[in-house]
Amino acid sequence: PAALLRALADLLRPGGALVLSTLNRTPQ
């Protein structure tokens, strides 16, 4: 996932926004 986030950061213009959704690693 870290490599994916680096690629997404590279794709953004300065000042760009990244929106993510995922699942927390919790018992719930």
mmCIF file of all heavy atoms, coordinates in Angstrom:
data_MODEL
# 
_entry.id   MODEL 
# 
loop_
_atom_site.group_PDB 
_atom_site.id 
_atom_site.type_symbol 
_atom_site.label_atom_id 
_atom_site.label_alt_id 
_atom_site.label_comp_id 
_atom_site.label_asym_id 
_atom_site.label_entity_id 
_atom_site.label_seq_id 
_atom_site.pdbx_PDB_ins_code 
_atom_site.Cartn_x 
_atom_site.Cartn_y 
_atom_site.Cartn_z 
_atom_site.occupancy 
_atom_site.B_iso_or_equiv 
_atom_site.pdbx_formal_charge 
_atom_site.auth_seq_id 
_atom_site.auth_comp_id 
_atom_site.auth_asym_id 
_atom_site.auth_atom_id 
_atom_site.pdbx_PDB_model_num 
ATOM 1   N N   . PRO A 1 1  ? 0.808   -1.224 0.000   1.00 0.00 ? 1  PRO A N   1 
ATOM 2   C CA  . PRO A 1 1  ? 0.000   0.000  0.000   1.00 0.00 ? 1  PRO A CA  1 
ATOM 3   C C   . PRO A 1 1  ? 0.836   1.268  0.000   1.00 0.00 ? 1  PRO A C   1 
ATOM 4   O O   . PRO A 1 1  ? 0.432   2.281  -0.564  1.00 0.00 ? 1  PRO A O   1 
ATOM 5   C CB  . PRO A 1 1  ? -0.846  -0.124 1.268   1.00 0.00 ? 1  PRO A CB  1 
ATOM 6   C CG  . PRO A 1 1  ? -0.153  -1.132 2.116   1.00 0.00 ? 1  PRO A CG  1 
ATOM 7   C CD  . PRO A 1 1  ? 0.535   -2.056 1.185   1.00 0.00 ? 1  PRO A CD  1 
ATOM 8   N N   . ALA A 1 2  ? 2.009   1.237  0.614   1.00 0.00 ? 2  ALA A N   1 
ATOM 9   C CA  . ALA A 1 2  ? 2.868   2.425  0.633   1.00 0.00 ? 2  ALA A CA  1 
ATOM 10  C C   . ALA A 1 2  ? 3.304   2.814  -0.771  1.00 0.00 ? 2  ALA A C   1 
ATOM 11  O O   . ALA A 1 2  ? 3.355   4.001  -1.123  1.00 0.00 ? 2  ALA A O   1 
ATOM 12  C CB  . ALA A 1 2  ? 4.084   2.188  1.533   1.00 0.00 ? 2  ALA A CB  1 
ATOM 13  N N   . ALA A 1 3  ? 3.615   1.814  -1.601  1.00 0.00 ? 3  ALA A N   1 
ATOM 14  C CA  . ALA A 1 3  ? 4.006   2.097  -2.986  1.00 0.00 ? 3  ALA A CA  1 
ATOM 15  C C   . ALA A 1 3  ? 2.846   2.690  -3.769  1.00 0.00 ? 3  ALA A C   1 
ATOM 16  O O   . ALA A 1 3  ? 3.035   3.601  -4.590  1.00 0.00 ? 3  ALA A O   1 
ATOM 17  C CB  . ALA A 1 3  ? 4.502   0.821  -3.663  1.00 0.00 ? 3  ALA A CB  1 
ATOM 18  N N   . LEU A 1 4  ? 1.652   2.204  -3.514  1.00 0.00 ? 4  LEU A N   1 
ATOM 19  C CA  . LEU A 1 4  ? 0.471   2.761  -4.174  1.00 0.00 ? 4  LEU A CA  1 
ATOM 20  C C   . LEU A 1 4  ? 0.274   4.221  -3.780  1.00 0.00 ? 4  LEU A C   1 
ATOM 21  O O   . LEU A 1 4  ? 0.004   5.076  -4.633  1.00 0.00 ? 4  LEU A O   1 
ATOM 22  C CB  . LEU A 1 4  ? -0.759  1.938  -3.813  1.00 0.00 ? 4  LEU A CB  1 
ATOM 23  C CG  . LEU A 1 4  ? -2.105  2.471  -4.313  1.00 0.00 ? 4  LEU A CG  1 
ATOM 24  C CD1 . LEU A 1 4  ? -2.124  2.608  -5.831  1.00 0.00 ? 4  LEU A CD1 1 
ATOM 25  C CD2 . LEU A 1 4  ? -3.243  1.577  -3.830  1.00 0.00 ? 4  LEU A CD2 1 
ATOM 26  N N   . LEU A 1 5  ? 0.434   4.531  -2.496  1.00 0.00 ? 5  LEU A N   1 
ATOM 27  C CA  . LEU A 1 5  ? 0.267   5.913  -2.047  1.00 0.00 ? 5  LEU A CA  1 
ATOM 28  C C   . LEU A 1 5  ? 1.329   6.828  -2.642  1.00 0.00 ? 5  LEU A C   1 
ATOM 29  O O   . LEU A 1 5  ? 1.039   7.979  -2.988  1.00 0.00 ? 5  LEU A O   1 
ATOM 30  C CB  . LEU A 1 5  ? 0.307   5.973  -0.519  1.00 0.00 ? 5  LEU A CB  1 
ATOM 31  C CG  . LEU A 1 5  ? -0.881  5.337  0.199   1.00 0.00 ? 5  LEU A CG  1 
ATOM 32  C CD1 . LEU A 1 5  ? -0.683  5.388  1.709   1.00 0.00 ? 5  LEU A CD1 1 
ATOM 33  C CD2 . LEU A 1 5  ? -2.189  6.016  -0.189  1.00 0.00 ? 5  LEU A CD2 1 
ATOM 34  N N   . ARG A 1 6  ? 2.538   6.334  -2.793  1.00 0.00 ? 6  ARG A N   1 
ATOM 35  C CA  . ARG A 1 6  ? 3.579   7.148  -3.434  1.00 0.00 ? 6  ARG A CA  1 
ATOM 36  C C   . ARG A 1 6  ? 3.217   7.450  -4.882  1.00 0.00 ? 6  ARG A C   1 
ATOM 37  O O   . ARG A 1 6  ? 3.419   8.573  -5.368  1.00 0.00 ? 6  ARG A O   1 
ATOM 38  C CB  . ARG A 1 6  ? 4.937   6.435  -3.356  1.00 0.00 ? 6  ARG A CB  1 
ATOM 39  C CG  . ARG A 1 6  ? 5.530   6.390  -1.962  1.00 0.00 ? 6  ARG A CG  1 
ATOM 40  C CD  . ARG A 1 6  ? 6.992   5.972  -1.978  1.00 0.00 ? 6  ARG A CD  1 
ATOM 41  N NE  . ARG A 1 6  ? 7.184   4.624  -2.498  1.00 0.00 ? 6  ARG A NE  1 
ATOM 42  C CZ  . ARG A 1 6  ? 7.182   3.526  -1.749  1.00 0.00 ? 6  ARG A CZ  1 
ATOM 43  N NH1 . ARG A 1 6  ? 6.981   3.619  -0.437  1.00 0.00 ? 6  ARG A NH1 1 
ATOM 44  N NH2 . ARG A 1 6  ? 7.397   2.335  -2.293  1.00 0.00 ? 6  ARG A NH2 1 
ATOM 45  N N   . ALA A 1 7  ? 2.674   6.462  -5.584  1.00 0.00 ? 7  ALA A N   1 
ATOM 46  C CA  . ALA A 1 7  ? 2.272   6.680  -6.969  1.00 0.00 ? 7  ALA A CA  1 
ATOM 47  C C   . ALA A 1 7  ? 1.145   7.696  -7.054  1.00 0.00 ? 7  ALA A C   1 
ATOM 48  O O   . ALA A 1 7  ? 1.143   8.577  -7.924  1.00 0.00 ? 7  ALA A O   1 
ATOM 49  C CB  . ALA A 1 7  ? 1.850   5.359  -7.605  1.00 0.00 ? 7  ALA A CB  1 
ATOM 50  N N   . LEU A 1 8  ? 0.183   7.597  -6.154  1.00 0.00 ? 8  LEU A N   1 
ATOM 51  C CA  . LEU A 1 8  ? -0.929  8.541  -6.152  1.00 0.00 ? 8  LEU A CA  1 
ATOM 52  C C   . LEU A 1 8  ? -0.443  9.952  -5.847  1.00 0.00 ? 8  LEU A C   1 
ATOM 53  O O   . LEU A 1 8  ? -0.916  10.924 -6.449  1.00 0.00 ? 8  LEU A O   1 
ATOM 54  C CB  . LEU A 1 8  ? -1.982  8.102  -5.135  1.00 0.00 ? 8  LEU A CB  1 
ATOM 55  C CG  . LEU A 1 8  ? -2.711  6.793  -5.467  1.00 0.00 ? 8  LEU A CG  1 
ATOM 56  C CD1 . LEU A 1 8  ? -3.569  6.344  -4.304  1.00 0.00 ? 8  LEU A CD1 1 
ATOM 57  C CD2 . LEU A 1 8  ? -3.557  6.938  -6.731  1.00 0.00 ? 8  LEU A CD2 1 
ATOM 58  N N   . ALA A 1 9  ? 0.505   10.075 -4.935  1.00 0.00 ? 9  ALA A N   1 
ATOM 59  C CA  . ALA A 1 9  ? 1.076   11.391 -4.635  1.00 0.00 ? 9  ALA A CA  1 
ATOM 60  C C   . ALA A 1 9  ? 1.780   11.962 -5.869  1.00 0.00 ? 9  ALA A C   1 
ATOM 61  O O   . ALA A 1 9  ? 1.668   13.160 -6.170  1.00 0.00 ? 9  ALA A O   1 
ATOM 62  C CB  . ALA A 1 9  ? 2.044   11.291 -3.468  1.00 0.00 ? 9  ALA A CB  1 
ATOM 63  N N   . ASP A 1 10 ? 2.496   11.113 -6.597  1.00 0.00 ? 10 ASP A N   1 
ATOM 64  C CA  . ASP A 1 10 ? 3.183   11.564 -7.806  1.00 0.00 ? 10 ASP A CA  1 
ATOM 65  C C   . ASP A 1 10 ? 2.205   12.027 -8.879  1.00 0.00 ? 10 ASP A C   1 
ATOM 66  O O   . ASP A 1 10 ? 2.538   12.883 -9.706  1.00 0.00 ? 10 ASP A O   1 
ATOM 67  C CB  . ASP A 1 10 ? 4.053   10.440 -8.372  1.00 0.00 ? 10 ASP A CB  1 
ATOM 68  C CG  . ASP A 1 10 ? 5.269   10.130 -7.500  1.00 0.00 ? 10 ASP A CG  1 
ATOM 69  O OD1 . ASP A 1 10 ? 5.618   10.983 -6.660  1.00 0.00 ? 10 ASP A OD1 1 
ATOM 70  O OD2 . ASP A 1 10 ? 5.834   9.038  -7.657  1.00 0.00 ? 10 ASP A OD2 1 
ATOM 71  N N   . LEU A 1 11 ? 1.004   11.472 -8.883  1.00 0.00 ? 11 LEU A N   1 
ATOM 72  C CA  . LEU A 1 11 ? 0.015   11.822 -9.894  1.00 0.00 ? 11 LEU A CA  1 
ATOM 73  C C   . LEU A 1 11 ? -0.668  13.158 -9.619  1.00 0.00 ? 11 LEU A C   1 
ATOM 74  O O   . LEU A 1 11 ? -1.275  13.735 -10.521 1.00 0.00 ? 11 LEU A O   1 
ATOM 75  C CB  . LEU A 1 11 ? -1.052  10.720 -9.972  1.00 0.00 ? 11 LEU A CB  1 
ATOM 76  C CG  . LEU A 1 11 ? -0.631  9.469  -10.745 1.00 0.00 ? 11 LEU A CG  1 
ATOM 77  C CD1 . LEU A 1 11 ? -1.471  8.270  -10.351 1.00 0.00 ? 11 LEU A CD1 1 
ATOM 78  C CD2 . LEU A 1 11 ? -0.736  9.723  -12.236 1.00 0.00 ? 11 LEU A CD2 1 
ATOM 79  N N   . LEU A 1 12 ? -0.561  13.647 -8.394  1.00 0.00 ? 12 LEU A N   1 
ATOM 80  C CA  . LEU A 1 12 ? -1.252  14.880 -8.008  1.00 0.00 ? 12 LEU A CA  1 
ATOM 81  C C   . LEU A 1 12 ? -0.414  16.113 -8.293  1.00 0.00 ? 12 LEU A C   1 
ATOM 82  O O   . LEU A 1 12 ? 0.797   16.128 -8.077  1.00 0.00 ? 12 LEU A O   1 
ATOM 83  C CB  . LEU A 1 12 ? -1.604  14.843 -6.529  1.00 0.00 ? 12 LEU A CB  1 
ATOM 84  C CG  . LEU A 1 12 ? -2.746  13.914 -6.123  1.00 0.00 ? 12 LEU A CG  1 
ATOM 85  C CD1 . LEU A 1 12 ? -2.824  13.827 -4.606  1.00 0.00 ? 12 LEU A CD1 1 
ATOM 86  C CD2 . LEU A 1 12 ? -4.076  14.409 -6.696  1.00 0.00 ? 12 LEU A CD2 1 
ATOM 87  N N   . ARG A 1 13 ? -1.096  17.153 -8.727  1.00 0.00 ? 13 ARG A N   1 
ATOM 88  C CA  . ARG A 1 13 ? -0.455  18.452 -8.844  1.00 0.00 ? 13 ARG A CA  1 
ATOM 89  C C   . ARG A 1 13 ? -0.178  18.987 -7.438  1.00 0.00 ? 13 ARG A C   1 
ATOM 90  O O   . ARG A 1 13 ? -0.844  18.589 -6.464  1.00 0.00 ? 13 ARG A O   1 
ATOM 91  C CB  . ARG A 1 13 ? -1.363  19.430 -9.585  1.00 0.00 ? 13 ARG A CB  1 
ATOM 92  C CG  . ARG A 1 13 ? -1.671  19.019 -11.019 1.00 0.00 ? 13 ARG A CG  1 
ATOM 93  C CD  . ARG A 1 13 ? -2.421  20.136 -11.748 1.00 0.00 ? 13 ARG A CD  1 
ATOM 94  N NE  . ARG A 1 13 ? -2.648  19.757 -13.142 1.00 0.00 ? 13 ARG A NE  1 
ATOM 95  C CZ  . ARG A 1 13 ? -3.817  19.372 -13.635 1.00 0.00 ? 13 ARG A CZ  1 
ATOM 96  N NH1 . ARG A 1 13 ? -4.871  19.323 -12.841 1.00 0.00 ? 13 ARG A NH1 1 
ATOM 97  N NH2 . ARG A 1 13 ? -3.936  19.046 -14.910 1.00 0.00 ? 13 ARG A NH2 1 
ATOM 98  N N   . PRO A 1 14 ? 0.790   19.895 -7.279  1.00 0.00 ? 14 PRO A N   1 
ATOM 99  C CA  . PRO A 1 14 ? 0.989   20.547 -5.981  1.00 0.00 ? 14 PRO A CA  1 
ATOM 100 C C   . PRO A 1 14 ? -0.317  21.187 -5.496  1.00 0.00 ? 14 PRO A C   1 
ATOM 101 O O   . PRO A 1 14 ? -1.011  21.850 -6.268  1.00 0.00 ? 14 PRO A O   1 
ATOM 102 C CB  . PRO A 1 14 ? 2.057   21.604 -6.269  1.00 0.00 ? 14 PRO A CB  1 
ATOM 103 C CG  . PRO A 1 14 ? 2.822   21.032 -7.420  1.00 0.00 ? 14 PRO A CG  1 
ATOM 104 C CD  . PRO A 1 14 ? 1.800   20.318 -8.270  1.00 0.00 ? 14 PRO A CD  1 
ATOM 105 N N   . GLY A 1 15 ? -0.665  20.908 -4.261  1.00 0.00 ? 15 GLY A N   1 
ATOM 106 C CA  . GLY A 1 15 ? -1.930  21.376 -3.722  1.00 0.00 ? 15 GLY A CA  1 
ATOM 107 C C   . GLY A 1 15 ? -3.089  20.437 -3.961  1.00 0.00 ? 15 GLY A C   1 
ATOM 108 O O   . GLY A 1 15 ? -4.211  20.698 -3.508  1.00 0.00 ? 15 GLY A O   1 
ATOM 109 N N   . GLY A 1 16 ? -2.844  19.322 -4.663  1.00 0.00 ? 16 GLY A N   1 
ATOM 110 C CA  . GLY A 1 16 ? -3.909  18.382 -4.979  1.00 0.00 ? 16 GLY A CA  1 
ATOM 111 C C   . GLY A 1 16 ? -4.387  17.596 -3.771  1.00 0.00 ? 16 GLY A C   1 
ATOM 112 O O   . GLY A 1 16 ? -3.721  17.525 -2.733  1.00 0.00 ? 16 GLY A O   1 
ATOM 113 N N   . ALA A 1 17 ? -5.565  17.004 -3.910  1.00 0.00 ? 17 ALA A N   1 
ATOM 114 C CA  . ALA A 1 17 ? -6.205  16.275 -2.810  1.00 0.00 ? 17 ALA A CA  1 
ATOM 115 C C   . ALA A 1 17 ? -6.271  14.788 -3.114  1.00 0.00 ? 17 ALA A C   1 
ATOM 116 O O   . ALA A 1 17 ? -6.533  14.384 -4.259  1.00 0.00 ? 17 ALA A O   1 
ATOM 117 C CB  . ALA A 1 17 ? -7.602  16.811 -2.559  1.00 0.00 ? 17 ALA A CB  1 
ATOM 118 N N   . LEU A 1 18 ? -6.055  13.993 -2.094  1.00 0.00 ? 18 LEU A N   1 
ATOM 119 C CA  . LEU A 1 18 ? -6.172  12.543 -2.185  1.00 0.00 ? 18 LEU A CA  1 
ATOM 120 C C   . LEU A 1 18 ? -7.249  12.092 -1.209  1.00 0.00 ? 18 LEU A C   1 
ATOM 121 O O   . LEU A 1 18 ? -7.204  12.413 -0.027  1.00 0.00 ? 18 LEU A O   1 
ATOM 122 C CB  . LEU A 1 18 ? -4.841  11.877 -1.837  1.00 0.00 ? 18 LEU A CB  1 
ATOM 123 C CG  . LEU A 1 18 ? -4.836  10.347 -1.713  1.00 0.00 ? 18 LEU A CG  1 
ATOM 124 C CD1 . LEU A 1 18 ? -5.240  9.684  -3.020  1.00 0.00 ? 18 LEU A CD1 1 
ATOM 125 C CD2 . LEU A 1 18 ? -3.459  9.846  -1.268  1.00 0.00 ? 18 LEU A CD2 1 
ATOM 126 N N   . VAL A 1 19 ? -8.235  11.353 -1.728  1.00 0.00 ? 19 VAL A N   1 
ATOM 127 C CA  . VAL A 1 19 ? -9.314  10.819 -0.902  1.00 0.00 ? 19 VAL A CA  1 
ATOM 128 C C   . VAL A 1 19 ? -9.191  9.300  -0.875  1.00 0.00 ? 19 VAL A C   1 
ATOM 129 O O   . VAL A 1 19 ? -9.091  8.655  -1.922  1.00 0.00 ? 19 VAL A O   1 
ATOM 130 C CB  . VAL A 1 19 ? -10.695 11.218 -1.449  1.00 0.00 ? 19 VAL A CB  1 
ATOM 131 C CG1 . VAL A 1 19 ? -11.802 10.638 -0.563  1.00 0.00 ? 19 VAL A CG1 1 
ATOM 132 C CG2 . VAL A 1 19 ? -10.823 12.739 -1.529  1.00 0.00 ? 19 VAL A CG2 1 
ATOM 133 N N   . LEU A 1 20 ? -9.203  8.756  0.326   1.00 0.00 ? 20 LEU A N   1 
ATOM 134 C CA  . LEU A 1 20 ? -9.043  7.313  0.517   1.00 0.00 ? 20 LEU A CA  1 
ATOM 135 C C   . LEU A 1 20 ? -10.186 6.772  1.356   1.00 0.00 ? 20 LEU A C   1 
ATOM 136 O O   . LEU A 1 20 ? -10.763 7.492  2.176   1.00 0.00 ? 20 LEU A O   1 
ATOM 137 C CB  . LEU A 1 20 ? -7.731  7.010  1.235   1.00 0.00 ? 20 LEU A CB  1 
ATOM 138 C CG  . LEU A 1 20 ? -6.439  7.491  0.569   1.00 0.00 ? 20 LEU A CG  1 
ATOM 139 C CD1 . LEU A 1 20 ? -5.366  7.709  1.604   1.00 0.00 ? 20 LEU A CD1 1 
ATOM 140 C CD2 . LEU A 1 20 ? -5.978  6.467  -0.460  1.00 0.00 ? 20 LEU A CD2 1 
ATOM 141 N N   . SER A 1 21 ? -10.493 5.512  1.163   1.00 0.00 ? 21 SER A N   1 
ATOM 142 C CA  . SER A 1 21 ? -11.313 4.796  2.139   1.00 0.00 ? 21 SER A CA  1 
ATOM 143 C C   . SER A 1 21 ? -10.747 3.393  2.282   1.00 0.00 ? 21 SER A C   1 
ATOM 144 O O   . SER A 1 21 ? -10.273 2.797  1.309   1.00 0.00 ? 21 SER A O   1 
ATOM 145 C CB  . SER A 1 21 ? -12.784 4.748  1.730   1.00 0.00 ? 21 SER A CB  1 
ATOM 146 O OG  . SER A 1 21 ? -12.993 3.845  0.679   1.00 0.00 ? 21 SER A OG  1 
ATOM 147 N N   . THR A 1 22 ? -10.775 2.911  3.509   1.00 0.00 ? 22 THR A N   1 
ATOM 148 C CA  . THR A 1 22 ? -10.241 1.582  3.771   1.00 0.00 ? 22 THR A CA  1 
ATOM 149 C C   . THR A 1 22 ? -10.826 1.079  5.077   1.00 0.00 ? 22 THR A C   1 
ATOM 150 O O   . THR A 1 22 ? -11.728 1.703  5.661   1.00 0.00 ? 22 THR A O   1 
ATOM 151 C CB  . THR A 1 22 ? -8.699  1.610  3.804   1.00 0.00 ? 22 THR A CB  1 
ATOM 152 O OG1 . THR A 1 22 ? -8.205  0.268  3.839   1.00 0.00 ? 22 THR A OG1 1 
ATOM 153 C CG2 . THR A 1 22 ? -8.164  2.392  4.986   1.00 0.00 ? 22 THR A CG2 1 
ATOM 154 N N   . LEU A 1 23 ? -10.319 -0.049 5.551   1.00 0.00 ? 23 LEU A N   1 
ATOM 155 C CA  . LEU A 1 23 ? -10.808 -0.671 6.770   1.00 0.00 ? 23 LEU A CA  1 
ATOM 156 C C   . LEU A 1 23 ? -9.733  -0.660 7.852   1.00 0.00 ? 23 LEU A C   1 
ATOM 157 O O   . LEU A 1 23 ? -8.564  -0.923 7.575   1.00 0.00 ? 23 LEU A O   1 
ATOM 158 C CB  . LEU A 1 23 ? -11.228 -2.118 6.487   1.00 0.00 ? 23 LEU A CB  1 
ATOM 159 C CG  . LEU A 1 23 ? -12.525 -2.261 5.688   1.00 0.00 ? 23 LEU A CG  1 
ATOM 160 C CD1 . LEU A 1 23 ? -12.535 -3.554 4.901   1.00 0.00 ? 23 LEU A CD1 1 
ATOM 161 C CD2 . LEU A 1 23 ? -13.730 -2.204 6.618   1.00 0.00 ? 23 LEU A CD2 1 
ATOM 162 N N   . ASN A 1 24 ? -10.155 -0.317 9.054   1.00 0.00 ? 24 ASN A N   1 
ATOM 163 C CA  . ASN A 1 24 ? -9.256  -0.276 10.197  1.00 0.00 ? 24 ASN A CA  1 
ATOM 164 C C   . ASN A 1 24 ? -8.982  -1.705 10.692  1.00 0.00 ? 24 ASN A C   1 
ATOM 165 O O   . ASN A 1 24 ? -9.869  -2.568 10.637  1.00 0.00 ? 24 ASN A O   1 
ATOM 166 C CB  . ASN A 1 24 ? -9.893  0.560  11.312  1.00 0.00 ? 24 ASN A CB  1 
ATOM 167 C CG  . ASN A 1 24 ? -8.894  1.055  12.315  1.00 0.00 ? 24 ASN A CG  1 
ATOM 168 O OD1 . ASN A 1 24 ? -7.770  0.573  12.376  1.00 0.00 ? 24 ASN A OD1 1 
ATOM 169 N ND2 . ASN A 1 24 ? -9.281  2.029  13.116  1.00 0.00 ? 24 ASN A ND2 1 
ATOM 170 N N   . ARG A 1 25 ? -7.777  -1.933 11.173  1.00 0.00 ? 25 ARG A N   1 
ATOM 171 C CA  . ARG A 1 25 ? -7.421  -3.259 11.686  1.00 0.00 ? 25 ARG A CA  1 
ATOM 172 C C   . ARG A 1 25 ? -7.755  -3.328 13.170  1.00 0.00 ? 25 ARG A C   1 
ATOM 173 O O   . ARG A 1 25 ? -6.909  -3.166 14.045  1.00 0.00 ? 25 ARG A O   1 
ATOM 174 C CB  . ARG A 1 25 ? -5.946  -3.561 11.422  1.00 0.00 ? 25 ARG A CB  1 
ATOM 175 C CG  . ARG A 1 25 ? -5.612  -5.054 11.539  1.00 0.00 ? 25 ARG A CG  1 
ATOM 176 C CD  . ARG A 1 25 ? -4.236  -5.413 11.010  1.00 0.00 ? 25 ARG A CD  1 
ATOM 177 N NE  . ARG A 1 25 ? -3.164  -4.818 11.804  1.00 0.00 ? 25 ARG A NE  1 
ATOM 178 C CZ  . ARG A 1 25 ? -2.460  -3.757 11.434  1.00 0.00 ? 25 ARG A CZ  1 
ATOM 179 N NH1 . ARG A 1 25 ? -2.705  -3.145 10.283  1.00 0.00 ? 25 ARG A NH1 1 
ATOM 180 N NH2 . ARG A 1 25 ? -1.500  -3.291 12.215  1.00 0.00 ? 25 ARG A NH2 1 
ATOM 181 N N   . THR A 1 26 ? -9.031  -3.579 13.425  1.00 0.00 ? 26 THR A N   1 
ATOM 182 C CA  . THR A 1 26 ? -9.543  -3.654 14.796  1.00 0.00 ? 26 THR A CA  1 
ATOM 183 C C   . THR A 1 26 ? -10.424 -4.891 14.923  1.00 0.00 ? 26 THR A C   1 
ATOM 184 O O   . THR A 1 26 ? -10.929 -5.409 13.911  1.00 0.00 ? 26 THR A O   1 
ATOM 185 C CB  . THR A 1 26 ? -10.390 -2.417 15.138  1.00 0.00 ? 26 THR A CB  1 
ATOM 186 O OG1 . THR A 1 26 ? -11.534 -2.397 14.257  1.00 0.00 ? 26 THR A OG1 1 
ATOM 187 C CG2 . THR A 1 26 ? -9.598  -1.122 14.993  1.00 0.00 ? 26 THR A CG2 1 
ATOM 188 N N   . PRO A 1 27 ? -10.668 -5.354 16.138  1.00 0.00 ? 27 PRO A N   1 
ATOM 189 C CA  . PRO A 1 27 ? -11.606 -6.460 16.316  1.00 0.00 ? 27 PRO A CA  1 
ATOM 190 C C   . PRO A 1 27 ? -12.991 -6.132 15.765  1.00 0.00 ? 27 PRO A C   1 
ATOM 191 O O   . PRO A 1 27 ? -13.670 -6.997 15.214  1.00 0.00 ? 27 PRO A O   1 
ATOM 192 C CB  . PRO A 1 27 ? -11.634 -6.652 17.833  1.00 0.00 ? 27 PRO A CB  1 
ATOM 193 C CG  . PRO A 1 27 ? -10.309 -6.137 18.307  1.00 0.00 ? 27 PRO A CG  1 
ATOM 194 C CD  . PRO A 1 27 ? -9.990  -4.992 17.410  1.00 0.00 ? 27 PRO A CD  1 
ATOM 195 N N   . GLN A 1 28 ? -13.413 -4.873 15.922  1.00 0.00 ? 28 GLN A N   1 
ATOM 196 C CA  . GLN A 1 28 ? -14.728 -4.476 15.414  1.00 0.00 ? 28 GLN A CA  1 
ATOM 197 C C   . GLN A 1 28 ? -14.812 -4.641 13.901  1.00 0.00 ? 28 GLN A C   1 
ATOM 198 O O   . GLN A 1 28 ? -15.836 -5.075 13.363  1.00 0.00 ? 28 GLN A O   1 
ATOM 199 C CB  . GLN A 1 28 ? -15.025 -3.021 15.800  1.00 0.00 ? 28 GLN A CB  1 
ATOM 200 C CG  . GLN A 1 28 ? -15.124 -2.782 17.294  1.00 0.00 ? 28 GLN A CG  1 
ATOM 201 C CD  . GLN A 1 28 ? -13.805 -2.344 17.887  1.00 0.00 ? 28 GLN A CD  1 
ATOM 202 O OE1 . GLN A 1 28 ? -12.747 -2.837 17.498  1.00 0.00 ? 28 GLN A OE1 1 
ATOM 203 N NE2 . GLN A 1 28 ? -13.871 -1.424 18.851  1.00 0.00 ? 28 GLN A NE2 1 
# 
